[in-house]
ModelCIF file with pLDDT and N, C-alpha, C, O atoms, coordinates in Angstrom:
data_MODEL
#
_entry.id   MODEL 
#
_entity.id                         1 
_entity.type                       polymer 
_entity.pdbx_number_of_molecules   1 
#
_entity_poly.entity_id                      1 
_entity_poly.type                           'polypeptide(L)' 
_entity_poly.nstd_linkage                   no 
_entity_poly.nstd_monomer                   no 
_entity_poly.pdbx_seq_one_letter_code       IRDIQPNKKTPHLELYFDRRDSSSLPHGDKEPVDLFFGQEKWRGTIRT 
_entity_poly.pdbx_seq_one_letter_code_can   IRDIQPNKKTPHLELYFDRRDSSSLPHGDKEPVDLFFGQEKWRGTIRT 
_entity_poly.pdbx_strand_id                 A 
#
loop_
_entity_poly_seq.entity_id 
_entity_poly_seq.num 
_entity_poly_seq.mon_id 
_entity_poly_seq.hetero 
1 1  ILE n 
1 2  ARG n 
1 3  ASP n 
1 4  ILE n 
1 5  GLN n 
1 6  PRO n 
1 7  ASN n 
1 8  LYS n 
1 9  LYS n 
1 10 THR n 
1 11 PRO n 
1 12 HIS n 
1 13 LEU n 
1 14 GLU n 
1 15 LEU n 
1 16 TYR n 
1 17 PHE n 
1 18 ASP n 
1 19 ARG n 
1 20 ARG n 
1 21 ASP n 
1 22 SER n 
1 23 SER n 
1 24 SER n 
1 25 LEU n 
1 26 PRO n 
1 27 HIS n 
1 28 GLY n 
1 29 ASP n 
1 30 LYS n 
1 31 GLU n 
1 32 PRO n 
1 33 VAL n 
1 34 ASP n 
1 35 LEU n 
1 36 PHE n 
1 37 PHE n 
1 38 GLY n 
1 39 GLN n 
1 40 GLU n 
1 41 LYS n 
1 42 TRP n 
1 43 ARG n 
1 44 GLY n 
1 45 THR n 
1 46 ILE n 
1 47 ARG n 
1 48 THR n 
#
_struct_asym.id          A 
_struct_asym.entity_id   1 
#
loop_
_ma_qa_metric.id 
_ma_qa_metric.mode 
_ma_qa_metric.name 
_ma_qa_metric.software_group_id 
_ma_qa_metric.type 
1 global pLDDT . pLDDT 
2 local  pLDDT . pLDDT 
#
_ma_qa_metric_global.metric_id      1 
_ma_qa_metric_global.metric_value   94.17 
_ma_qa_metric_global.model_id       1 
_ma_qa_metric_global.ordinal_id     1 
#
loop_
_ma_qa_metric_local.label_asym_id 
_ma_qa_metric_local.label_comp_id 
_ma_qa_metric_local.label_seq_id 
_ma_qa_metric_local.metric_id 
_ma_qa_metric_local.metric_value 
_ma_qa_metric_local.model_id 
_ma_qa_metric_local.ordinal_id 
A ILE 1  2 97.00 1 1  
A ARG 2  2 96.00 1 2  
A ASP 3  2 96.00 1 3  
A ILE 4  2 93.00 1 4  
A GLN 5  2 93.00 1 5  
A PRO 6  2 92.00 1 6  
A ASN 7  2 94.00 1 7  
A LYS 8  2 93.00 1 8  
A LYS 9  2 92.00 1 9  
A THR 10 2 91.00 1 10 
A PRO 11 2 91.00 1 11 
A HIS 12 2 95.00 1 12 
A LEU 13 2 96.00 1 13 
A GLU 14 2 96.00 1 14 
A LEU 15 2 97.00 1 15 
A TYR 16 2 96.00 1 16 
A PHE 17 2 96.00 1 17 
A ASP 18 2 94.00 1 18 
A ARG 19 2 92.00 1 19 
A ARG 20 2 91.00 1 20 
A ASP 21 2 92.00 1 21 
A SER 22 2 90.00 1 22 
A SER 23 2 90.00 1 23 
A SER 24 2 93.00 1 24 
A LEU 25 2 95.00 1 25 
A PRO 26 2 94.00 1 26 
A HIS 27 2 93.00 1 27 
A GLY 28 2 94.00 1 28 
A ASP 29 2 93.00 1 29 
A LYS 30 2 94.00 1 30 
A GLU 31 2 95.00 1 31 
A PRO 32 2 97.00 1 32 
A VAL 33 2 97.00 1 33 
A ASP 34 2 97.00 1 34 
A LEU 35 2 97.00 1 35 
A PHE 36 2 96.00 1 36 
A PHE 37 2 93.00 1 37 
A GLY 38 2 88.00 1 38 
A GLN 39 2 90.00 1 39 
A GLU 40 2 94.00 1 40 
A LYS 41 2 97.00 1 41 
A TRP 42 2 97.00 1 42 
A ARG 43 2 97.00 1 43 
A GLY 44 2 97.00 1 44 
A THR 45 2 97.00 1 45 
A ILE 46 2 96.00 1 46 
A ARG 47 2 94.00 1 47 
A THR 48 2 92.00 1 48 
#
loop_
_atom_site.group_PDB 
_atom_site.id 
_atom_site.type_symbol 
_atom_site.label_atom_id 
_atom_site.label_alt_id 
_atom_site.label_comp_id 
_atom_site.label_asym_id 
_atom_site.label_entity_id 
_atom_site.label_seq_id 
_atom_site.pdbx_PDB_ins_code 
_atom_site.Cartn_x 
_atom_site.Cartn_y 
_atom_site.Cartn_z 
_atom_site.occupancy 
_atom_site.B_iso_or_equiv 
_atom_site.pdbx_formal_charge 
_atom_site.auth_seq_id 
_atom_site.auth_comp_id 
_atom_site.auth_asym_id 
_atom_site.auth_atom_id 
_atom_site.pdbx_PDB_model_num 
ATOM 1   N N  . ILE A 1 1  ? 16.733 58.469 66.737 1.00 97.00 ? 1  ILE A N  1 
ATOM 2   C CA . ILE A 1 1  ? 17.592 58.856 65.617 1.00 97.00 ? 1  ILE A CA 1 
ATOM 3   C C  . ILE A 1 1  ? 18.176 60.229 65.927 1.00 97.00 ? 1  ILE A C  1 
ATOM 4   O O  . ILE A 1 1  ? 17.450 61.189 66.185 1.00 97.00 ? 1  ILE A O  1 
ATOM 5   N N  . ARG A 1 2  ? 19.498 60.298 65.895 1.00 96.00 ? 2  ARG A N  1 
ATOM 6   C CA . ARG A 1 2  ? 20.207 61.554 66.197 1.00 96.00 ? 2  ARG A CA 1 
ATOM 7   C C  . ARG A 1 2  ? 21.097 61.943 65.034 1.00 96.00 ? 2  ARG A C  1 
ATOM 8   O O  . ARG A 1 2  ? 21.672 61.097 64.350 1.00 96.00 ? 2  ARG A O  1 
ATOM 9   N N  . ASP A 1 3  ? 21.193 63.244 64.832 1.00 96.00 ? 3  ASP A N  1 
ATOM 10  C CA . ASP A 1 3  ? 22.182 63.790 63.904 1.00 96.00 ? 3  ASP A CA 1 
ATOM 11  C C  . ASP A 1 3  ? 23.414 64.089 64.747 1.00 96.00 ? 3  ASP A C  1 
ATOM 12  O O  . ASP A 1 3  ? 23.418 65.031 65.539 1.00 96.00 ? 3  ASP A O  1 
ATOM 13  N N  . ILE A 1 4  ? 24.457 63.287 64.574 1.00 93.00 ? 4  ILE A N  1 
ATOM 14  C CA . ILE A 1 4  ? 25.634 63.440 65.437 1.00 93.00 ? 4  ILE A CA 1 
ATOM 15  C C  . ILE A 1 4  ? 26.561 64.557 64.978 1.00 93.00 ? 4  ILE A C  1 
ATOM 16  O O  . ILE A 1 4  ? 27.545 64.861 65.653 1.00 93.00 ? 4  ILE A O  1 
ATOM 17  N N  . GLN A 1 5  ? 26.256 65.176 63.831 1.00 93.00 ? 5  GLN A N  1 
ATOM 18  C CA . GLN A 1 5  ? 27.019 66.331 63.356 1.00 93.00 ? 5  GLN A CA 1 
ATOM 19  C C  . GLN A 1 5  ? 26.028 67.408 62.902 1.00 93.00 ? 5  GLN A C  1 
ATOM 20  O O  . GLN A 1 5  ? 25.950 67.715 61.713 1.00 93.00 ? 5  GLN A O  1 
ATOM 21  N N  . PRO A 1 6  ? 25.273 67.983 63.845 1.00 92.00 ? 6  PRO A N  1 
ATOM 22  C CA . PRO A 1 6  ? 24.178 68.894 63.483 1.00 92.00 ? 6  PRO A CA 1 
ATOM 23  C C  . PRO A 1 6  ? 24.614 70.185 62.787 1.00 92.00 ? 6  PRO A C  1 
ATOM 24  O O  . PRO A 1 6  ? 23.789 70.853 62.164 1.00 92.00 ? 6  PRO A O  1 
ATOM 25  N N  . ASN A 1 7  ? 25.881 70.541 62.880 1.00 94.00 ? 7  ASN A N  1 
ATOM 26  C CA . ASN A 1 7  ? 26.340 71.778 62.243 1.00 94.00 ? 7  ASN A CA 1 
ATOM 27  C C  . ASN A 1 7  ? 26.801 71.575 60.805 1.00 94.00 ? 7  ASN A C  1 
ATOM 28  O O  . ASN A 1 7  ? 27.177 72.537 60.134 1.00 94.00 ? 7  ASN A O  1 
ATOM 29  N N  . LYS A 1 8  ? 26.775 70.350 60.332 1.00 93.00 ? 8  LYS A N  1 
ATOM 30  C CA . LYS A 1 8  ? 27.165 70.055 58.948 1.00 93.00 ? 8  LYS A CA 1 
ATOM 31  C C  . LYS A 1 8  ? 25.974 70.270 58.018 1.00 93.00 ? 8  LYS A C  1 
ATOM 32  O O  . LYS A 1 8  ? 24.821 70.282 58.449 1.00 93.00 ? 8  LYS A O  1 
ATOM 33  N N  . LYS A 1 9  ? 26.285 70.441 56.727 1.00 92.00 ? 9  LYS A N  1 
ATOM 34  C CA . LYS A 1 9  ? 25.247 70.696 55.734 1.00 92.00 ? 9  LYS A CA 1 
ATOM 35  C C  . LYS A 1 9  ? 24.299 69.505 55.569 1.00 92.00 ? 9  LYS A C  1 
ATOM 36  O O  . LYS A 1 9  ? 23.086 69.683 55.465 1.00 92.00 ? 9  LYS A O  1 
ATOM 37  N N  . THR A 1 10 ? 24.855 68.295 55.544 1.00 91.00 ? 10 THR A N  1 
ATOM 38  C CA . THR A 1 10 ? 24.028 67.102 55.415 1.00 91.00 ? 10 THR A CA 1 
ATOM 39  C C  . THR A 1 10 ? 24.009 66.350 56.751 1.00 91.00 ? 10 THR A C  1 
ATOM 40  O O  . THR A 1 10 ? 25.018 66.316 57.455 1.00 91.00 ? 10 THR A O  1 
ATOM 41  N N  . PRO A 1 11 ? 22.883 65.758 57.096 1.00 91.00 ? 11 PRO A N  1 
ATOM 42  C CA . PRO A 1 11 ? 22.804 65.058 58.391 1.00 91.00 ? 11 PRO A CA 1 
ATOM 43  C C  . PRO A 1 11 ? 23.665 63.795 58.418 1.00 91.00 ? 11 PRO A C  1 
ATOM 44  O O  . PRO A 1 11 ? 23.890 63.152 57.393 1.00 91.00 ? 11 PRO A O  1 
ATOM 45  N N  . HIS A 1 12 ? 24.127 63.467 59.590 1.00 95.00 ? 12 HIS A N  1 
ATOM 46  C CA . HIS A 1 12 ? 24.877 62.236 59.847 1.00 95.00 ? 12 HIS A CA 1 
ATOM 47  C C  . HIS A 1 12 ? 24.074 61.491 60.916 1.00 95.00 ? 12 HIS A C  1 
ATOM 48  O O  . HIS A 1 12 ? 24.284 61.688 62.112 1.00 95.00 ? 12 HIS A O  1 
ATOM 49  N N  . LEU A 1 13 ? 23.147 60.626 60.465 1.00 96.00 ? 13 LEU A N  1 
ATOM 50  C CA . LEU A 1 13 ? 22.182 60.010 61.368 1.00 96.00 ? 13 LEU A CA 1 
ATOM 51  C C  . LEU A 1 13 ? 22.686 58.704 61.951 1.00 96.00 ? 13 LEU A C  1 
ATOM 52  O O  . LEU A 1 13 ? 23.253 57.865 61.251 1.00 96.00 ? 13 LEU A O  1 
ATOM 53  N N  . GLU A 1 14 ? 22.469 58.551 63.247 1.00 96.00 ? 14 GLU A N  1 
ATOM 54  C CA . GLU A 1 14 ? 22.774 57.303 63.940 1.00 96.00 ? 14 GLU A CA 1 
ATOM 55  C C  . GLU A 1 14 ? 21.614 56.951 64.857 1.00 96.00 ? 14 GLU A C  1 
ATOM 56  O O  . GLU A 1 14 ? 20.836 57.819 65.255 1.00 96.00 ? 14 GLU A O  1 
ATOM 57  N N  . LEU A 1 15 ? 21.506 55.676 65.186 1.00 97.00 ? 15 LEU A N  1 
ATOM 58  C CA . LEU A 1 15 ? 20.428 55.156 66.023 1.00 97.00 ? 15 LEU A CA 1 
ATOM 59  C C  . LEU A 1 15 ? 20.982 54.822 67.401 1.00 97.00 ? 15 LEU A C  1 
ATOM 60  O O  . LEU A 1 15 ? 21.909 54.023 67.534 1.00 97.00 ? 15 LEU A O  1 
ATOM 61  N N  . TYR A 1 16 ? 20.399 55.445 68.426 1.00 96.00 ? 16 TYR A N  1 
ATOM 62  C CA . TYR A 1 16 ? 20.803 55.253 69.820 1.00 96.00 ? 16 TYR A CA 1 
ATOM 63  C C  . TYR A 1 16 ? 19.662 54.637 70.609 1.00 96.00 ? 16 TYR A C  1 
ATOM 64  O O  . TYR A 1 16 ? 18.498 54.748 70.227 1.00 96.00 ? 16 TYR A O  1 
ATOM 65  N N  . PHE A 1 17 ? 20.005 53.986 71.713 1.00 96.00 ? 17 PHE A N  1 
ATOM 66  C CA . PHE A 1 17 ? 19.020 53.442 72.634 1.00 96.00 ? 17 PHE A CA 1 
ATOM 67  C C  . PHE A 1 17 ? 19.343 53.916 74.041 1.00 96.00 ? 17 PHE A C  1 
ATOM 68  O O  . PHE A 1 17 ? 20.476 54.308 74.320 1.00 96.00 ? 17 PHE A O  1 
ATOM 69  N N  . ASP A 1 18 ? 18.361 53.884 74.926 1.00 94.00 ? 18 ASP A N  1 
ATOM 70  C CA . ASP A 1 18 ? 18.589 54.247 76.324 1.00 94.00 ? 18 ASP A CA 1 
ATOM 71  C C  . ASP A 1 18 ? 19.425 53.176 77.012 1.00 94.00 ? 18 ASP A C  1 
ATOM 72  O O  . ASP A 1 18 ? 19.330 51.994 76.681 1.00 94.00 ? 18 ASP A O  1 
ATOM 73  N N  . ARG A 1 19 ? 20.239 53.593 77.964 1.00 92.00 ? 19 ARG A N  1 
ATOM 74  C CA . ARG A 1 19 ? 21.080 52.635 78.705 1.00 92.00 ? 19 ARG A CA 1 
ATOM 75  C C  . ARG A 1 19 ? 20.235 51.568 79.393 1.00 92.00 ? 19 ARG A C  1 
ATOM 76  O O  . ARG A 1 19 ? 20.663 50.421 79.525 1.00 92.00 ? 19 ARG A O  1 
ATOM 77  N N  . ARG A 1 20 ? 19.051 51.940 79.825 1.00 91.00 ? 20 ARG A N  1 
ATOM 78  C CA . ARG A 1 20 ? 18.198 50.983 80.537 1.00 91.00 ? 20 ARG A CA 1 
ATOM 79  C C  . ARG A 1 20 ? 17.798 49.799 79.649 1.00 91.00 ? 20 ARG A C  1 
ATOM 80  O O  . ARG A 1 20 ? 17.383 48.755 80.153 1.00 91.00 ? 20 ARG A O  1 
ATOM 81  N N  . ASP A 1 21 ? 17.926 49.965 78.324 1.00 92.00 ? 21 ASP A N  1 
ATOM 82  C CA . ASP A 1 21 ? 17.584 48.887 77.396 1.00 92.00 ? 21 ASP A CA 1 
ATOM 83  C C  . ASP A 1 21 ? 18.784 48.020 77.019 1.00 92.00 ? 21 ASP A C  1 
ATOM 84  O O  . ASP A 1 21 ? 18.661 47.122 76.186 1.00 92.00 ? 21 ASP A O  1 
ATOM 85  N N  . SER A 1 22 ? 19.929 48.279 77.621 1.00 90.00 ? 22 SER A N  1 
ATOM 86  C CA . SER A 1 22 ? 21.158 47.528 77.295 1.00 90.00 ? 22 SER A CA 1 
ATOM 87  C C  . SER A 1 22 ? 20.996 46.028 77.464 1.00 90.00 ? 22 SER A C  1 
ATOM 88  O O  . SER A 1 22 ? 21.590 45.253 76.714 1.00 90.00 ? 22 SER A O  1 
ATOM 89  N N  . SER A 1 23 ? 20.201 45.608 78.439 1.00 90.00 ? 23 SER A N  1 
ATOM 90  C CA . SER A 1 23 ? 20.050 44.169 78.681 1.00 90.00 ? 23 SER A CA 1 
ATOM 91  C C  . SER A 1 23 ? 19.307 43.469 77.542 1.00 90.00 ? 23 SER A C  1 
ATOM 92  O O  . SER A 1 23 ? 19.362 42.244 77.431 1.00 90.00 ? 23 SER A O  1 
ATOM 93  N N  . SER A 1 24 ? 18.617 44.229 76.699 1.00 93.00 ? 24 SER A N  1 
ATOM 94  C CA . SER A 1 24 ? 17.907 43.650 75.551 1.00 93.00 ? 24 SER A CA 1 
ATOM 95  C C  . SER A 1 24 ? 18.752 43.640 74.288 1.00 93.00 ? 24 SER A C  1 
ATOM 96  O O  . SER A 1 24 ? 18.303 43.191 73.234 1.00 93.00 ? 24 SER A O  1 
ATOM 97  N N  . LEU A 1 25 ? 19.981 44.138 74.401 1.00 95.00 ? 25 LEU A N  1 
ATOM 98  C CA . LEU A 1 25 ? 20.872 44.262 73.244 1.00 95.00 ? 25 LEU A CA 1 
ATOM 99  C C  . LEU A 1 25 ? 22.129 43.428 73.463 1.00 95.00 ? 25 LEU A C  1 
ATOM 100 O O  . LEU A 1 25 ? 22.518 43.186 74.605 1.00 95.00 ? 25 LEU A O  1 
ATOM 101 N N  . PRO A 1 26 ? 22.772 42.982 72.376 1.00 94.00 ? 26 PRO A N  1 
ATOM 102 C CA . PRO A 1 26 ? 24.037 42.257 72.537 1.00 94.00 ? 26 PRO A CA 1 
ATOM 103 C C  . PRO A 1 26 ? 25.067 43.146 73.228 1.00 94.00 ? 26 PRO A C  1 
ATOM 104 O O  . PRO A 1 26 ? 25.073 44.361 73.032 1.00 94.00 ? 26 PRO A O  1 
ATOM 105 N N  . HIS A 1 27 ? 25.925 42.551 74.022 1.00 93.00 ? 27 HIS A N  1 
ATOM 106 C CA . HIS A 1 27 ? 26.924 43.313 74.767 1.00 93.00 ? 27 HIS A CA 1 
ATOM 107 C C  . HIS A 1 27 ? 28.288 43.188 74.085 1.00 93.00 ? 27 HIS A C  1 
ATOM 108 O O  . HIS A 1 27 ? 28.795 42.082 73.893 1.00 93.00 ? 27 HIS A O  1 
ATOM 109 N N  . GLY A 1 28 ? 28.874 44.330 73.721 1.00 94.00 ? 28 GLY A N  1 
ATOM 110 C CA . GLY A 1 28 ? 30.196 44.315 73.115 1.00 94.00 ? 28 GLY A CA 1 
ATOM 111 C C  . GLY A 1 28 ? 30.473 45.611 72.379 1.00 94.00 ? 28 GLY A C  1 
ATOM 112 O O  . GLY A 1 28 ? 29.671 46.545 72.400 1.00 94.00 ? 28 GLY A O  1 
ATOM 113 N N  . ASP A 1 29 ? 31.643 45.649 71.719 1.00 93.00 ? 29 ASP A N  1 
ATOM 114 C CA . ASP A 1 29 ? 32.062 46.851 70.998 1.00 93.00 ? 29 ASP A CA 1 
ATOM 115 C C  . ASP A 1 29 ? 31.508 46.931 69.587 1.00 93.00 ? 29 ASP A C  1 
ATOM 116 O O  . ASP A 1 29 ? 31.265 48.024 69.076 1.00 93.00 ? 29 ASP A O  1 
ATOM 117 N N  . LYS A 1 30 ? 31.306 45.780 68.951 1.00 94.00 ? 30 LYS A N  1 
ATOM 118 C CA . LYS A 1 30 ? 30.843 45.763 67.561 1.00 94.00 ? 30 LYS A CA 1 
ATOM 119 C C  . LYS A 1 30 ? 30.050 44.479 67.325 1.00 94.00 ? 30 LYS A C  1 
ATOM 120 O O  . LYS A 1 30 ? 30.476 43.590 66.589 1.00 94.00 ? 30 LYS A O  1 
ATOM 121 N N  . GLU A 1 31 ? 28.894 44.408 67.968 1.00 95.00 ? 31 GLU A N  1 
ATOM 122 C CA . GLU A 1 31 ? 28.076 43.199 67.927 1.00 95.00 ? 31 GLU A CA 1 
ATOM 123 C C  . GLU A 1 31 ? 27.030 43.288 66.822 1.00 95.00 ? 31 GLU A C  1 
ATOM 124 O O  . GLU A 1 31 ? 26.382 44.325 66.685 1.00 95.00 ? 31 GLU A O  1 
ATOM 125 N N  . PRO A 1 32 ? 26.845 42.233 66.029 1.00 97.00 ? 32 PRO A N  1 
ATOM 126 C CA . PRO A 1 32 ? 25.863 42.265 64.945 1.00 97.00 ? 32 PRO A CA 1 
ATOM 127 C C  . PRO A 1 32 ? 24.426 42.270 65.468 1.00 97.00 ? 32 PRO A C  1 
ATOM 128 O O  . PRO A 1 32 ? 24.087 41.569 66.421 1.00 97.00 ? 32 PRO A O  1 
ATOM 129 N N  . VAL A 1 33 ? 23.600 43.079 64.818 1.00 97.00 ? 33 VAL A N  1 
ATOM 130 C CA . VAL A 1 33 ? 22.170 43.149 65.131 1.00 97.00 ? 33 VAL A CA 1 
ATOM 131 C C  . VAL A 1 33 ? 21.412 43.281 63.816 1.00 97.00 ? 33 VAL A C  1 
ATOM 132 O O  . VAL A 1 33 ? 21.790 44.065 62.946 1.00 97.00 ? 33 VAL A O  1 
ATOM 133 N N  . ASP A 1 34 ? 20.345 42.512 63.681 1.00 97.00 ? 34 ASP A N  1 
ATOM 134 C CA . ASP A 1 34 ? 19.474 42.622 62.515 1.00 97.00 ? 34 ASP A CA 1 
ATOM 135 C C  . ASP A 1 34 ? 18.296 43.517 62.862 1.00 97.00 ? 34 ASP A C  1 
ATOM 136 O O  . ASP A 1 34 ? 17.610 43.310 63.863 1.00 97.00 ? 34 ASP A O  1 
ATOM 137 N N  . LEU A 1 35 ? 18.075 44.516 62.017 1.00 97.00 ? 35 LEU A N  1 
ATOM 138 C CA . LEU A 1 35 ? 16.913 45.399 62.137 1.00 97.00 ? 35 LEU A CA 1 
ATOM 139 C C  . LEU A 1 35 ? 15.935 45.026 61.029 1.00 97.00 ? 35 LEU A C  1 
ATOM 140 O O  . LEU A 1 35 ? 16.316 44.922 59.863 1.00 97.00 ? 35 LEU A O  1 
ATOM 141 N N  . PHE A 1 36 ? 14.689 44.828 61.396 1.00 96.00 ? 36 PHE A N  1 
ATOM 142 C CA . PHE A 1 36 ? 13.655 44.514 60.413 1.00 96.00 ? 36 PHE A CA 1 
ATOM 143 C C  . PHE A 1 36 ? 12.737 45.718 60.283 1.00 96.00 ? 36 PHE A C  1 
ATOM 144 O O  . PHE A 1 36 ? 12.074 46.118 61.240 1.00 96.00 ? 36 PHE A O  1 
ATOM 145 N N  . PHE A 1 37 ? 12.707 46.292 59.078 1.00 93.00 ? 37 PHE A N  1 
ATOM 146 C CA . PHE A 1 37 ? 11.788 47.375 58.742 1.00 93.00 ? 37 PHE A CA 1 
ATOM 147 C C  . PHE A 1 37 ? 10.778 46.762 57.777 1.00 93.00 ? 37 PHE A C  1 
ATOM 148 O O  . PHE A 1 37 ? 11.055 46.650 56.583 1.00 93.00 ? 37 PHE A O  1 
ATOM 149 N N  . GLY A 1 38 ? 9.613  46.364 58.282 1.00 88.00 ? 38 GLY A N  1 
ATOM 150 C CA . GLY A 1 38 ? 8.673  45.632 57.452 1.00 88.00 ? 38 GLY A CA 1 
ATOM 151 C C  . GLY A 1 38 ? 9.315  44.314 57.052 1.00 88.00 ? 38 GLY A C  1 
ATOM 152 O O  . GLY A 1 38 ? 9.755  43.547 57.909 1.00 88.00 ? 38 GLY A O  1 
ATOM 153 N N  . GLN A 1 39 ? 9.369  44.050 55.753 1.00 90.00 ? 39 GLN A N  1 
ATOM 154 C CA . GLN A 1 39 ? 9.958  42.807 55.253 1.00 90.00 ? 39 GLN A CA 1 
ATOM 155 C C  . GLN A 1 39 ? 11.460 42.932 54.976 1.00 90.00 ? 39 GLN A C  1 
ATOM 156 O O  . GLN A 1 39 ? 12.116 41.941 54.657 1.00 90.00 ? 39 GLN A O  1 
ATOM 157 N N  . GLU A 1 40 ? 11.995 44.131 55.095 1.00 94.00 ? 40 GLU A N  1 
ATOM 158 C CA . GLU A 1 40 ? 13.423 44.336 54.801 1.00 94.00 ? 40 GLU A CA 1 
ATOM 159 C C  . GLU A 1 40 ? 14.273 44.129 56.052 1.00 94.00 ? 40 GLU A C  1 
ATOM 160 O O  . GLU A 1 40 ? 13.964 44.636 57.130 1.00 94.00 ? 40 GLU A O  1 
ATOM 161 N N  . LYS A 1 41 ? 15.355 43.364 55.872 1.00 97.00 ? 41 LYS A N  1 
ATOM 162 C CA . LYS A 1 41 ? 16.299 43.132 56.971 1.00 97.00 ? 41 LYS A CA 1 
ATOM 163 C C  . LYS A 1 41 ? 17.580 43.893 56.683 1.00 97.00 ? 41 LYS A C  1 
ATOM 164 O O  . LYS A 1 41 ? 18.132 43.816 55.586 1.00 97.00 ? 41 LYS A O  1 
ATOM 165 N N  . TRP A 1 42 ? 18.046 44.631 57.687 1.00 97.00 ? 42 TRP A N  1 
ATOM 166 C CA . TRP A 1 42 ? 19.296 45.378 57.598 1.00 97.00 ? 42 TRP A CA 1 
ATOM 167 C C  . TRP A 1 42 ? 20.168 44.990 58.777 1.00 97.00 ? 42 TRP A C  1 
ATOM 168 O O  . TRP A 1 42 ? 19.726 45.050 59.925 1.00 97.00 ? 42 TRP A O  1 
ATOM 169 N N  . ARG A 1 43 ? 21.398 44.595 58.506 1.00 97.00 ? 43 ARG A N  1 
ATOM 170 C CA . ARG A 1 43 ? 22.333 44.204 59.555 1.00 97.00 ? 43 ARG A CA 1 
ATOM 171 C C  . ARG A 1 43 ? 23.273 45.366 59.842 1.00 97.00 ? 43 ARG A C  1 
ATOM 172 O O  . ARG A 1 43 ? 23.877 45.948 58.941 1.00 97.00 ? 43 ARG A O  1 
ATOM 173 N N  . GLY A 1 44 ? 23.374 45.678 61.117 1.00 97.00 ? 44 GLY A N  1 
ATOM 174 C CA . GLY A 1 44 ? 24.310 46.689 61.576 1.00 97.00 ? 44 GLY A CA 1 
ATOM 175 C C  . GLY A 1 44 ? 25.078 46.145 62.764 1.00 97.00 ? 44 GLY A C  1 
ATOM 176 O O  . GLY A 1 44 ? 24.862 45.010 63.191 1.00 97.00 ? 44 GLY A O  1 
ATOM 177 N N  . THR A 1 45 ? 25.969 46.957 63.292 1.00 97.00 ? 45 THR A N  1 
ATOM 178 C CA . THR A 1 45 ? 26.680 46.566 64.510 1.00 97.00 ? 45 THR A CA 1 
ATOM 179 C C  . THR A 1 45 ? 26.427 47.620 65.571 1.00 97.00 ? 45 THR A C  1 
ATOM 180 O O  . THR A 1 45 ? 26.302 48.808 65.274 1.00 97.00 ? 45 THR A O  1 
ATOM 181 N N  . ILE A 1 46 ? 26.355 47.165 66.811 1.00 96.00 ? 46 ILE A N  1 
ATOM 182 C CA . ILE A 1 46 ? 26.021 48.039 67.923 1.00 96.00 ? 46 ILE A CA 1 
ATOM 183 C C  . ILE A 1 46 ? 27.149 48.005 68.955 1.00 96.00 ? 46 ILE A C  1 
ATOM 184 O O  . ILE A 1 46 ? 27.838 46.999 69.121 1.00 96.00 ? 46 ILE A O  1 
ATOM 185 N N  . ARG A 1 47 ? 27.309 49.117 69.628 1.00 94.00 ? 47 ARG A N  1 
ATOM 186 C CA . ARG A 1 47 ? 28.300 49.215 70.700 1.00 94.00 ? 47 ARG A CA 1 
ATOM 187 C C  . ARG A 1 47 ? 27.566 49.495 72.003 1.00 94.00 ? 47 ARG A C  1 
ATOM 188 O O  . ARG A 1 47 ? 26.775 50.433 72.099 1.00 94.00 ? 47 ARG A O  1 
ATOM 189 N N  . THR A 1 48 ? 27.842 48.669 73.001 1.00 92.00 ? 48 THR A N  1 
ATOM 190 C CA . THR A 1 48 ? 27.159 48.817 74.289 1.00 92.00 ? 48 THR A CA 1 
ATOM 191 C C  . THR A 1 48 ? 28.130 48.855 75.467 1.00 92.00 ? 48 THR A C  1 
ATOM 192 O O  . THR A 1 48 ? 27.703 48.976 76.616 1.00 92.00 ? 48 THR A O  1 
#
């Protein structure tokens, strides 16, 4: 989890992964991915 605008008053958090893990992720500019936090499912899009 990174704050991509660290000089702003409120954080702007985004989730990044290492390039070496790209093969475990969908490949594209805006690919859907479901994240499961416990029983909650959240859908986001990833760019690889």
